[in-house]
Protein backbone atom coordinates (compact mmCIF):
# COMPACT_ATOMS: atom_id res chain seq x y z
CA UNK A 1 -36.62 3.98 -2.38
CA UNK A 2 -33.53 2.04 -3.41
CA UNK A 3 -34.10 -1.65 -2.87
CA UNK A 4 -31.06 -2.75 -0.84
CA UNK A 5 -31.12 -6.54 -0.64
CA UNK A 6 -30.09 -6.63 3.00
CA UNK A 7 -32.97 -4.39 3.89
CA UNK A 8 -35.69 -4.91 1.32
CA UNK A 9 -35.17 -8.05 -0.74
CA UNK A 10 -33.70 -9.00 -4.08
CA UNK A 11 -34.18 -6.85 -7.14
CA UNK A 12 -34.45 -8.81 -10.39
CA UNK A 13 -33.89 -7.14 -13.73
CA UNK A 14 -32.74 -8.18 -17.18
CA UNK A 15 -29.88 -6.94 -19.28
CA UNK A 16 -29.40 -8.39 -22.74
CA UNK A 17 -25.72 -8.54 -23.56
CA UNK A 18 -25.06 -8.30 -27.28
CA UNK A 19 -22.67 -10.91 -28.57
CA UNK A 20 -22.53 -12.91 -25.31
CA UNK A 21 -23.59 -16.53 -25.27
CA UNK A 22 -21.99 -18.12 -22.22
CA UNK A 23 -21.52 -17.39 -18.54
CA UNK A 24 -18.19 -15.69 -19.11
CA UNK A 25 -19.61 -13.23 -21.58
CA UNK A 26 -17.40 -14.58 -24.40
CA UNK A 27 -18.91 -16.07 -27.54
CA UNK A 28 -17.50 -19.53 -28.21
CA UNK A 29 -19.18 -19.88 -31.61
CA UNK A 30 -17.62 -17.13 -33.71
CA UNK A 31 -16.99 -17.92 -37.39
CA UNK A 32 -14.04 -15.52 -37.36
CA UNK A 33 -12.18 -17.68 -34.83
CA UNK A 34 -9.59 -19.59 -36.84
CA UNK A 35 -6.84 -19.95 -34.28
CA UNK A 36 -6.97 -21.50 -30.85
CA UNK A 37 -5.34 -19.55 -28.03
CA UNK A 38 -5.29 -20.89 -24.48
CA UNK A 39 -6.36 -18.47 -21.78
CA UNK A 40 -3.62 -18.07 -19.17
CA UNK A 41 -5.56 -16.18 -16.51
CA UNK A 42 -9.17 -16.72 -15.50
CA UNK A 43 -8.74 -13.76 -13.15
CA UNK A 44 -8.04 -11.47 -16.10
CA UNK A 45 -11.09 -12.81 -17.92
CA UNK A 46 -13.27 -12.13 -14.89
CA UNK A 47 -11.80 -8.63 -14.55
CA UNK A 48 -12.49 -7.68 -18.14
CA UNK A 49 -16.02 -9.09 -18.13
CA UNK A 50 -16.92 -7.39 -14.86
CA UNK A 51 -15.42 -4.04 -15.91
CA UNK A 52 -17.10 -4.26 -19.33
CA UNK A 53 -20.45 -4.62 -17.62
CA UNK A 54 -20.20 -2.35 -14.56
CA UNK A 55 -17.45 0.25 -15.01
CA UNK A 56 -18.81 3.80 -14.97
CA UNK A 57 -16.53 4.84 -17.86
CA UNK A 58 -16.96 1.65 -19.90
CA UNK A 59 -17.96 3.60 -22.99
CA UNK A 60 -14.87 5.82 -22.71
CA UNK A 61 -12.26 3.05 -22.52
CA UNK A 62 -11.34 1.61 -25.91
CA UNK A 63 -10.27 -1.76 -24.51
CA UNK A 64 -13.63 -2.18 -22.77
CA UNK A 65 -15.64 -1.90 -25.98
CA UNK A 66 -17.89 -4.90 -26.57
CA UNK A 67 -16.09 -5.62 -29.84
CA UNK A 68 -12.83 -6.44 -28.03
CA UNK A 69 -14.08 -9.98 -27.37
CA UNK A 70 -15.55 -10.57 -30.85
CA UNK A 71 -12.65 -12.82 -31.87
CA UNK A 72 -11.80 -15.13 -29.02
CA UNK A 73 -8.21 -15.83 -30.07
CA UNK A 74 -7.43 -12.12 -30.25
CA UNK A 75 -9.26 -11.51 -26.99
CA UNK A 76 -7.32 -14.21 -25.14
CA UNK A 77 -4.05 -12.97 -26.62
CA UNK A 78 -4.87 -9.52 -25.28
CA UNK A 79 -5.72 -10.84 -21.80
CA UNK A 80 -2.60 -13.03 -21.74
CA UNK A 81 -0.39 -9.98 -22.23
CA UNK A 82 -1.15 -8.84 -18.66
CA UNK A 83 0.22 -10.55 -15.57
CA UNK A 84 -2.85 -10.21 -13.34
CA UNK A 85 -5.92 -7.99 -12.76
CA UNK A 86 -3.80 -5.23 -11.28
CA UNK A 87 -1.63 -5.10 -14.42
CA UNK A 88 -4.70 -5.26 -16.65
CA UNK A 89 -6.54 -2.44 -14.86
CA UNK A 90 -3.57 -0.14 -14.40
CA UNK A 91 -2.19 -0.49 -17.91
CA UNK A 92 -5.28 -0.97 -20.05
CA UNK A 93 -8.68 -0.49 -18.40
CA UNK A 94 -8.48 2.44 -15.98
CA UNK A 95 -10.04 5.66 -17.33
CA UNK A 96 -7.86 8.75 -17.07
CA UNK A 97 -10.21 10.50 -14.62
CA UNK A 98 -10.52 7.46 -12.34
CA UNK A 99 -8.64 8.08 -9.08
CA UNK A 100 -10.29 5.50 -6.87
CA UNK A 101 -10.90 2.09 -8.49
CA UNK A 102 -8.96 -0.56 -6.57
CA UNK A 103 -8.66 -4.33 -6.18
CA UNK A 104 -7.46 -7.03 -3.83
CA UNK A 105 -6.02 -10.47 -4.62
CA UNK A 106 -8.10 -11.91 -1.76
CA UNK A 107 -11.77 -11.00 -1.81
CA UNK A 108 -12.20 -12.14 1.79
CA UNK A 109 -9.75 -9.45 2.95
CA UNK A 110 -11.78 -6.74 1.25
CA UNK A 111 -15.13 -8.04 2.47
CA UNK A 112 -13.89 -8.30 6.06
CA UNK A 113 -12.59 -4.74 5.94
CA UNK A 114 -15.99 -3.49 4.82
CA UNK A 115 -17.32 -4.95 8.08
CA UNK A 116 -14.68 -3.12 10.11
CA UNK A 117 -12.42 -6.18 10.47
CA UNK A 118 -8.87 -5.97 9.19
CA UNK A 119 -5.18 -6.53 9.92
CA UNK A 120 -3.63 -3.59 11.78
CA UNK A 121 -1.55 -2.62 14.78
CA UNK A 122 -4.24 -0.09 15.68
CA UNK A 123 -2.18 3.07 15.22
CA UNK A 124 -4.03 5.65 13.11
CA UNK A 125 -1.73 8.32 11.78
CA UNK A 126 -1.19 10.85 9.05
CA UNK A 127 1.95 11.16 6.95
CA UNK A 128 3.28 14.51 5.85
CA UNK A 129 6.21 15.88 3.92
CA UNK A 130 8.70 18.32 5.36
CA UNK A 131 8.63 21.70 3.67
CA UNK A 132 12.35 21.77 2.87
CA UNK A 133 13.06 18.27 1.53
CA UNK A 134 11.54 14.90 0.56
CA UNK A 135 11.71 13.40 4.03
CA UNK A 136 8.44 12.35 5.69
CA UNK A 137 7.14 12.40 9.25
CA UNK A 138 4.12 10.77 10.83
CA UNK A 139 1.79 12.22 13.44
CA UNK A 140 -0.56 10.14 15.58
CA UNK A 141 -4.26 10.84 15.05
CA UNK A 142 -5.82 8.29 17.39
CA UNK A 143 -5.44 4.74 18.72
CA UNK A 144 -8.00 2.01 18.01
CA UNK A 145 -9.14 0.54 21.35
CA UNK A 146 -8.15 -3.05 22.16
CA UNK A 147 -5.39 -3.01 19.56
CA UNK A 148 -1.66 -3.63 19.87
CA UNK A 149 -1.03 0.12 19.83
CA UNK A 150 -3.51 0.60 22.68
CA UNK A 151 -1.05 -1.19 24.95
CA UNK A 152 1.98 0.78 23.74
CA UNK A 153 3.41 4.03 25.05
CA UNK A 154 2.13 6.25 22.26
CA UNK A 155 -0.61 8.87 22.02
CA UNK A 156 -2.36 11.39 19.78
CA UNK A 157 -0.15 14.27 18.76
CA UNK A 158 3.15 12.42 18.97
CA UNK A 159 5.56 12.58 16.02
CA UNK A 160 7.70 9.86 14.44
CA UNK A 161 10.30 10.19 11.69
CA UNK A 162 12.05 6.79 11.58
CA UNK A 163 11.03 3.15 11.13
CA UNK A 164 13.53 0.52 12.25
CA UNK A 165 16.18 3.19 12.34
CA UNK A 166 15.58 4.47 8.81
CA UNK A 167 14.40 8.02 8.08
CA UNK A 168 11.06 8.03 6.26
CA UNK A 169 10.98 9.71 2.84
CA UNK A 170 8.82 9.84 -0.26
CA UNK A 171 10.58 6.83 -1.77
CA UNK A 172 10.56 4.43 1.17
CA UNK A 173 7.56 5.13 3.41
CA UNK A 174 5.30 2.72 1.57
CA UNK A 175 7.66 -0.21 2.03
CA UNK A 176 8.68 0.64 5.59
CA UNK A 177 5.17 1.19 6.95
CA UNK A 178 2.91 -0.77 4.61
CA UNK A 179 5.15 -3.52 3.28
CA UNK A 180 5.23 -7.18 4.26
CA UNK A 181 6.79 -6.63 7.69
CA UNK A 182 4.13 -7.02 10.39
CA UNK A 183 6.48 -5.78 13.10
CA UNK A 184 8.35 -2.51 13.18
CA UNK A 185 9.74 0.04 15.60
CA UNK A 186 8.98 3.74 15.35
CA UNK A 187 11.59 6.34 16.15
CA UNK A 188 9.76 9.13 17.96
CA UNK A 189 10.69 12.80 17.68
CA UNK A 190 10.08 16.17 19.29
CA UNK A 191 8.62 19.04 17.34
CA UNK A 192 9.97 22.58 17.12
CA UNK A 193 13.54 21.55 17.85
CA UNK A 194 14.74 24.73 16.15
CA UNK A 195 12.87 26.94 18.60
CA UNK A 196 11.56 29.06 15.71
CA UNK A 197 7.82 29.66 15.33
CA UNK A 198 6.69 28.68 11.83
CA UNK A 199 3.59 27.90 9.79
CA UNK A 200 5.18 24.94 8.01
CA UNK A 201 7.13 21.97 9.32
CA UNK A 202 10.74 21.82 8.18
CA UNK A 203 13.16 18.99 8.85
CA UNK A 204 15.09 21.26 11.21
CA UNK A 205 11.96 21.62 13.35
CA UNK A 206 12.01 17.94 14.35
CA UNK A 207 14.62 15.89 16.21
CA UNK A 208 14.70 12.31 17.48
CA UNK A 209 14.13 12.15 21.22
CA UNK A 210 15.39 8.63 21.90
CA UNK A 211 11.96 7.11 22.43
CA UNK A 212 11.12 4.00 20.42
CA UNK A 213 7.75 2.26 20.08
CA UNK A 214 7.52 -1.33 18.85
CA UNK A 215 4.23 -2.29 17.13
CA UNK A 216 2.82 -5.54 15.78
CA UNK A 217 0.01 -6.01 13.29
CA UNK A 218 -2.80 -8.31 14.38
CA UNK A 219 -5.35 -10.02 12.18
CA UNK A 220 -9.04 -9.70 12.93
CA UNK A 221 -8.96 -6.28 14.56
CA UNK A 222 -12.46 -4.81 14.89
CA UNK A 223 -12.77 -1.04 14.71
CA UNK A 224 -15.99 0.48 16.01
CA UNK A 225 -16.44 3.62 13.87
CA UNK A 226 -18.37 5.34 16.67
CA UNK A 227 -15.19 6.60 18.30
CA UNK A 228 -16.57 9.31 20.61
CA UNK A 229 -20.08 10.45 21.47
CA UNK A 230 -20.89 12.88 24.21
CA UNK A 231 -23.10 15.85 25.10
CA UNK A 232 -21.45 19.19 25.85
CA UNK A 233 -23.48 21.81 27.72
CA UNK A 234 -22.60 25.41 26.96
CA UNK A 235 -25.07 27.93 28.39
CA UNK A 236 -28.50 27.07 27.01
CA UNK A 237 -27.04 24.85 24.29
CA UNK A 238 -26.83 21.09 24.56
CA UNK A 239 -24.35 20.10 21.89
CA UNK A 240 -24.14 16.53 20.74
CA UNK A 241 -20.63 15.59 19.59
CA UNK A 242 -20.08 12.48 17.47
CA UNK A 243 -16.74 11.40 16.09
CA UNK A 244 -17.58 8.83 13.43
CA UNK A 245 -14.64 7.27 11.62
CA UNK A 246 -16.25 4.99 9.06
CA UNK A 247 -19.63 4.18 7.51
CA UNK A 248 -19.71 0.53 8.59
CA UNK A 249 -23.12 -1.09 8.28
CA UNK A 250 -22.49 -3.57 11.14
CA UNK A 251 -22.70 -0.59 13.51
CA UNK A 252 -25.87 1.02 12.12
CA UNK A 253 -27.96 -0.14 15.08
CA UNK A 254 -25.42 1.16 17.59
CA UNK A 255 -25.35 4.48 15.73
CA UNK A 256 -29.13 4.65 16.01
CA UNK A 257 -28.83 4.04 19.76
CA UNK A 258 -26.40 6.98 20.04
CA UNK A 259 -28.95 9.26 18.43
CA UNK A 260 -31.55 7.88 20.81
CA UNK A 261 -29.30 9.01 23.67
CA UNK A 262 -28.83 12.43 22.06
CA UNK A 263 -32.58 12.78 21.70
CA UNK A 264 -33.33 11.74 25.29
CA UNK A 265 -30.77 14.27 26.57
CA UNK A 266 -32.40 17.11 24.65
CA UNK A 267 -29.56 17.82 22.23
CA UNK A 268 -30.16 21.13 20.43
CA UNK A 269 -27.14 21.15 18.11
CA UNK A 270 -24.86 18.51 16.59
CA UNK A 271 -21.17 18.55 15.77
CA UNK A 272 -20.43 15.65 13.43
CA UNK A 273 -16.70 14.93 13.34
CA UNK A 274 -15.78 13.30 10.03
CA UNK A 275 -12.23 14.58 9.87
CA UNK A 276 -10.72 11.07 9.56
CA UNK A 277 -13.70 9.34 7.96
CA UNK A 278 -12.76 8.13 4.47
CA UNK A 279 -16.14 6.63 3.65
CA UNK A 280 -17.98 3.30 3.48
CA UNK A 281 -21.59 2.25 3.06
CA UNK A 282 -24.00 4.50 1.16
CA UNK A 283 -26.91 3.11 3.14
CA UNK A 284 -25.19 3.94 6.43
CA UNK A 285 -24.78 7.50 5.12
CA UNK A 286 -28.51 7.59 4.36
CA UNK A 287 -29.31 6.42 7.89
CA UNK A 288 -27.00 9.00 9.46
CA UNK A 289 -28.47 11.80 7.36
CA UNK A 290 -31.95 10.75 8.44
CA UNK A 291 -30.87 10.70 12.09
CA UNK A 292 -29.75 14.30 11.67
CA UNK A 293 -32.53 15.72 9.48
CA UNK A 294 -35.63 13.60 9.88
CA UNK A 295 -37.59 10.54 8.82
CA UNK A 296 -39.05 12.21 5.76
CA UNK A 297 -39.47 9.18 3.52
CA UNK A 298 -41.06 11.23 0.75
CA UNK A 299 -37.99 13.49 0.44
CA UNK A 300 -35.19 12.48 -1.89
CA UNK A 301 -31.73 11.99 -0.41
CA UNK A 302 -29.81 11.00 -3.55
CA UNK A 303 -30.06 9.78 -7.12
CA UNK A 304 -27.70 7.31 -8.76
CA UNK A 305 -26.18 7.57 -12.23
CA UNK A 306 -24.64 4.41 -13.75
CA UNK A 307 -23.13 3.63 -17.15
CA UNK A 308 -25.54 3.39 -20.06
CA UNK A 309 -25.69 -0.42 -19.97
CA UNK A 310 -26.95 -0.47 -16.40
CA UNK A 311 -28.82 2.84 -16.26
CA UNK A 312 -31.18 1.85 -19.04
CA UNK A 313 -32.33 -1.20 -17.11
CA UNK A 314 -33.18 0.52 -13.86
CA UNK A 315 -36.45 2.16 -12.89
CA UNK A 316 -36.60 5.61 -11.36
CA UNK A 317 -37.62 4.09 -8.03
CA UNK A 318 -34.51 1.93 -7.99
CA UNK A 319 -32.23 4.86 -8.76
CA UNK A 320 -33.61 7.07 -6.00
CA UNK A 321 -32.84 6.90 -2.28
CA UNK A 322 -35.14 8.65 0.18
CA UNK A 323 -34.62 9.49 3.82
CA UNK A 324 -35.28 6.54 6.13
CA UNK A 325 -37.61 6.05 9.06
CA UNK A 326 -36.44 2.54 9.97
CA UNK A 327 -33.05 0.92 10.54
CA UNK A 328 -32.69 -2.66 9.35
CA UNK A 329 -31.12 -5.25 11.62
CA UNK A 330 -30.61 -8.98 11.36
CA UNK A 331 -33.65 -9.44 13.58
CA UNK A 332 -35.85 -7.03 11.61
CA UNK A 333 -36.32 -3.28 11.53
CA UNK A 334 -36.38 -0.75 14.35
CA UNK A 335 -37.58 2.89 14.31
CA UNK A 336 -34.90 5.37 13.40
CA UNK A 337 -34.04 7.98 16.03
CA UNK A 338 -33.82 11.47 14.61
CA UNK A 339 -32.97 14.91 16.00
CA UNK A 340 -34.93 16.80 13.31
CA UNK A 341 -32.25 19.48 13.08
CA UNK A 342 -32.26 22.49 10.80
CA UNK A 343 -28.47 22.76 10.86
CA UNK A 344 -25.43 20.57 11.48
CA UNK A 345 -21.75 21.37 12.02
CA UNK A 346 -19.40 19.01 10.18
CA UNK A 347 -15.66 18.84 10.93
CA UNK A 348 -13.56 17.86 7.91
CA UNK A 349 -10.03 17.45 6.59
CA UNK A 350 -8.59 16.15 3.33
CA UNK A 351 -9.12 12.66 4.77
CA UNK A 352 -12.90 13.17 4.74
CA UNK A 353 -14.08 11.37 1.61
CA UNK A 354 -16.83 9.58 -0.30
CA UNK A 355 -19.69 8.73 2.10
CA UNK A 356 -18.59 11.59 4.36
CA UNK A 357 -18.98 13.96 1.43
CA UNK A 358 -22.31 12.30 0.63
CA UNK A 359 -23.60 13.50 4.01
CA UNK A 360 -22.67 17.08 3.15
CA UNK A 361 -24.08 16.92 -0.38
CA UNK A 362 -27.24 15.00 0.52
CA UNK A 363 -28.23 17.25 3.42
CA UNK A 364 -27.31 20.55 1.79
CA UNK A 365 -30.64 21.09 -0.06
CA UNK A 366 -32.55 20.64 3.20
CA UNK A 367 -30.62 22.12 6.11
CA UNK A 368 -27.66 24.38 6.84
CA UNK A 369 -24.49 22.28 6.67
CA UNK A 370 -21.75 24.33 8.29
CA UNK A 371 -18.40 22.82 7.41
CA UNK A 372 -15.44 23.59 9.65
CA UNK A 373 -11.87 22.49 9.03
CA UNK A 374 -10.26 21.71 5.70
CA UNK A 375 -11.28 20.85 2.15
CA UNK A 376 -12.55 17.30 1.69
CA UNK A 377 -11.11 14.66 -0.65
CA UNK A 378 -13.50 15.02 -3.60
CA UNK A 379 -14.79 11.49 -4.22
CA UNK A 380 -18.28 11.52 -5.73
CA UNK A 381 -18.37 8.03 -7.23
CA UNK A 382 -19.72 4.84 -5.70
CA UNK A 383 -18.65 1.26 -6.30
CA UNK A 384 -19.70 -2.33 -5.79
CA UNK A 385 -17.58 -5.35 -4.86
CA UNK A 386 -17.14 -7.72 -7.83
CA UNK A 387 -15.90 -11.32 -7.75
CA UNK A 388 -15.79 -14.16 -10.28
CA UNK A 389 -19.41 -15.23 -10.01
CA UNK A 390 -21.11 -14.53 -13.37
CA UNK A 391 -24.34 -16.16 -12.19
CA UNK A 392 -24.71 -13.27 -9.74
CA UNK A 393 -23.56 -10.71 -12.31
CA UNK A 394 -20.15 -10.72 -10.57
CA UNK A 395 -21.53 -9.03 -7.45
CA UNK A 396 -20.19 -10.32 -4.15
CA UNK A 397 -22.86 -11.75 -1.89
CA UNK A 398 -22.40 -13.69 1.30
CA UNK A 399 -25.34 -15.88 0.31
CA UNK A 400 -23.66 -16.90 -2.98
CA UNK A 401 -20.09 -17.05 -1.70
CA UNK A 402 -19.89 -20.78 -2.46
CA UNK A 403 -20.64 -20.02 -6.11
CA UNK A 404 -17.51 -17.91 -6.61
CA UNK A 405 -14.99 -19.50 -8.96
CA UNK A 406 -12.62 -21.28 -6.53
CA UNK A 407 -9.70 -20.68 -8.88
CA UNK A 408 -10.08 -16.89 -8.76
CA UNK A 409 -9.73 -15.19 -5.37
CA UNK A 410 -9.48 -11.65 -6.71
CA UNK A 411 -12.01 -8.92 -5.95
CA UNK A 412 -12.22 -5.67 -7.85
CA UNK A 413 -13.88 -2.50 -6.59
CA UNK A 414 -14.41 -0.40 -9.73
CA UNK A 415 -16.22 2.89 -9.70
CA UNK A 416 -19.67 2.11 -11.05
CA UNK A 417 -21.61 5.35 -10.76
CA UNK A 418 -22.08 8.79 -9.26
CA UNK A 419 -24.44 10.01 -6.58
CA UNK A 420 -26.34 13.26 -7.12
CA UNK A 421 -28.27 15.08 -4.43
CA UNK A 422 -31.95 15.96 -4.71
CA UNK A 423 -31.23 18.99 -6.92
CA UNK A 424 -28.91 17.05 -9.22
CA UNK A 425 -25.55 18.31 -7.91
CA UNK A 426 -22.56 15.95 -7.96
CA UNK A 427 -19.68 18.10 -9.18
CA UNK A 428 -17.35 18.07 -6.19
CA UNK A 429 -14.29 16.25 -7.49
CA UNK A 430 -12.16 19.09 -6.06
CA UNK A 431 -13.74 18.51 -2.64
CA UNK A 432 -16.00 20.65 -0.49
CA UNK A 433 -14.34 23.79 0.86
CA UNK A 434 -15.22 24.68 4.45
CA UNK A 435 -17.31 27.73 5.27
CA UNK A 436 -15.03 28.14 8.29
CA UNK A 437 -11.42 27.19 7.52
CA UNK A 438 -9.66 25.73 10.53
CA UNK A 439 -6.71 23.50 9.56
CA UNK A 440 -5.35 20.88 11.89
CA UNK A 441 -1.94 22.04 13.06
CA UNK A 442 0.62 19.50 14.11
CA UNK A 443 1.86 21.50 17.09
CA UNK A 444 -1.63 21.65 18.64
CA UNK A 445 -3.81 18.72 17.63
CA UNK A 446 -5.63 18.79 20.94
CA UNK A 447 -7.56 16.02 22.68
CA UNK A 448 -10.42 14.57 20.63
CA UNK A 449 -13.79 15.28 22.22
CA UNK A 450 -12.44 17.94 24.54
CA UNK A 451 -14.21 21.31 24.13
CA UNK A 452 -10.81 22.99 23.78
CA UNK A 453 -9.73 20.84 20.82
CA UNK A 454 -9.31 23.43 18.04
CA UNK A 455 -11.88 22.23 15.49
CA UNK A 456 -14.50 21.36 18.09
CA UNK A 457 -13.82 24.62 19.95
CA UNK A 458 -14.46 26.54 16.73
CA UNK A 459 -17.77 24.74 16.25
CA UNK A 460 -18.82 25.47 19.83
CA UNK A 461 -17.97 29.11 19.32
CA UNK A 462 -20.10 29.20 16.18
CA UNK A 463 -23.02 27.55 17.97
CA UNK A 464 -22.97 29.66 21.13
CA UNK A 465 -21.42 32.89 19.95
CA UNK A 466 -19.11 32.64 22.95
CA UNK A 467 -15.41 32.02 22.51
CA UNK A 468 -14.24 28.75 23.92
CA UNK A 469 -10.73 28.52 25.25
CA UNK A 470 -8.05 29.94 22.97
CA UNK A 471 -8.54 28.73 19.42
CA UNK A 472 -5.28 28.83 17.45
CA UNK A 473 -5.66 30.38 14.04
CA UNK A 474 -2.02 29.80 13.17
CA UNK A 475 0.32 26.88 13.65
CA UNK A 476 2.44 24.41 11.80
CA UNK A 477 0.14 23.20 9.04
CA UNK A 478 0.32 19.63 7.82
CA UNK A 479 1.35 18.93 4.21
CA UNK A 480 -0.34 15.53 4.23
CA UNK A 481 0.60 12.94 1.62
CA UNK A 482 -1.09 9.81 2.99
CA UNK A 483 -2.44 8.14 6.10
CA UNK A 484 -2.70 4.70 7.67
CA UNK A 485 -6.39 4.44 6.72
CA UNK A 486 -5.56 5.04 3.06
CA UNK A 487 -3.66 1.74 3.07
CA UNK A 488 -6.57 -0.37 4.33
CA UNK A 489 -8.31 -2.66 1.85
CA UNK A 490 -11.33 -0.32 1.70
CA UNK A 491 -9.28 2.89 1.22
CA UNK A 492 -11.61 5.86 0.63
CA UNK A 493 -14.39 3.76 -0.77
CA UNK A 494 -18.12 4.48 -1.05
CA UNK A 495 -19.94 1.25 -1.75
CA UNK A 496 -23.53 0.23 -2.31
CA UNK A 497 -25.06 -2.39 -0.03
CA UNK A 498 -26.26 -4.59 -2.84
CA UNK A 499 -25.77 -8.33 -2.82
CA UNK A 500 -27.64 -9.12 -6.01
CA UNK A 501 -28.64 -7.24 -9.12
CA UNK A 502 -29.58 -10.31 -11.09
CA UNK A 503 -28.68 -9.73 -14.72
CA UNK A 504 -29.74 -11.95 -17.55
CA UNK A 505 -26.71 -12.33 -19.76
């Protein structure tokens, strides 16, 4: 079983770095160094060293070759040609196939977001493009409880087209919605203004209705990813429904309690709603899979594949994750509650990514995973959070936070490996296609958790063989381009819960 520090203790292993003789991984005694060049950015030095060690595609990126730092003056000149880690990664270090590596100038912001704490007004929405031009509209997915939006007059299914009086479009939506302004006013709109039934949303189908909603971002908002859990009785079936919006390890114990409730109520089937879940902790995904399938600790859930530098130093037992029978807490470990199911129904959209896809891939060799909805995002790589702490091999750890270079606040979240399931499958970069296609349609999003909500209704129909209330098979499909959750510090990340892989360099 993978030795997660939080759960099992610290793994110690050695990696000998050729040509490195100091903590920064840069040789200071090189006979070829004739000129002295002053380093302008310690953040760039940290970024290169961390990417050189951990990046999954390190061997495929010319500028990450070990020889790049052979001559210090040339190396520093190279680093000085980039303004900051963002510039360095985007214009020199990112591999062409890498869609998901990201970074943050404040590591504390990223770490807080991984715990479900971030700055937000609490409105969760998708953004889509009109079919006939480059204008953009937003549609409300859900409201985070106890947020600013929770006290506003706005609800799931509503449409907005303007921010502070300006029509959203492909060129301005980033600045208007995700720029530096913490306060903005949405201009709400009515759908189907043309009166014509259609399968795509055109600009003529939407018109401002005069309603405006003012929202304010608030720091320190906590989002509980367990958004809805309930039991729906249909005939002889007791269907557990769980809408889970993020794999956040702080809520693992509460998630286990939910499955304890499902078990005590005799749940026979499970609908797992991951339609807006963009990912999170790999270990939380392992727990959830075990809660669904069983506490079979001798059965493999996933295998990790790193770059050659790291892979060669890891034992098979470290690289393999098995199903769990215990959930770790700060006070110790508690037995994991499992339903021991032979099938699960998973609701997905294009916003379902990384750890959500890990659930599908990890369970597939063992049980029937019946996917309903849309194609998933296609993120099969994991990452770790890296900061400027070479003594901890650049890995962020709360216990070594005081050892981070105080002059470098950046964190980078590079892709560091791929997860394979127990039969070695990991090729889903195009996403997982649903067995039962059922797109969300903007003119009938429905009420989340209600048996008549279209995706849930389709799952209930599949479970019972009895049609629920009318399930729309046609409607105005959403040409999604982004979402509010894609702008959070964690984005669609799948990260390992490791706080220390002590490398000897």
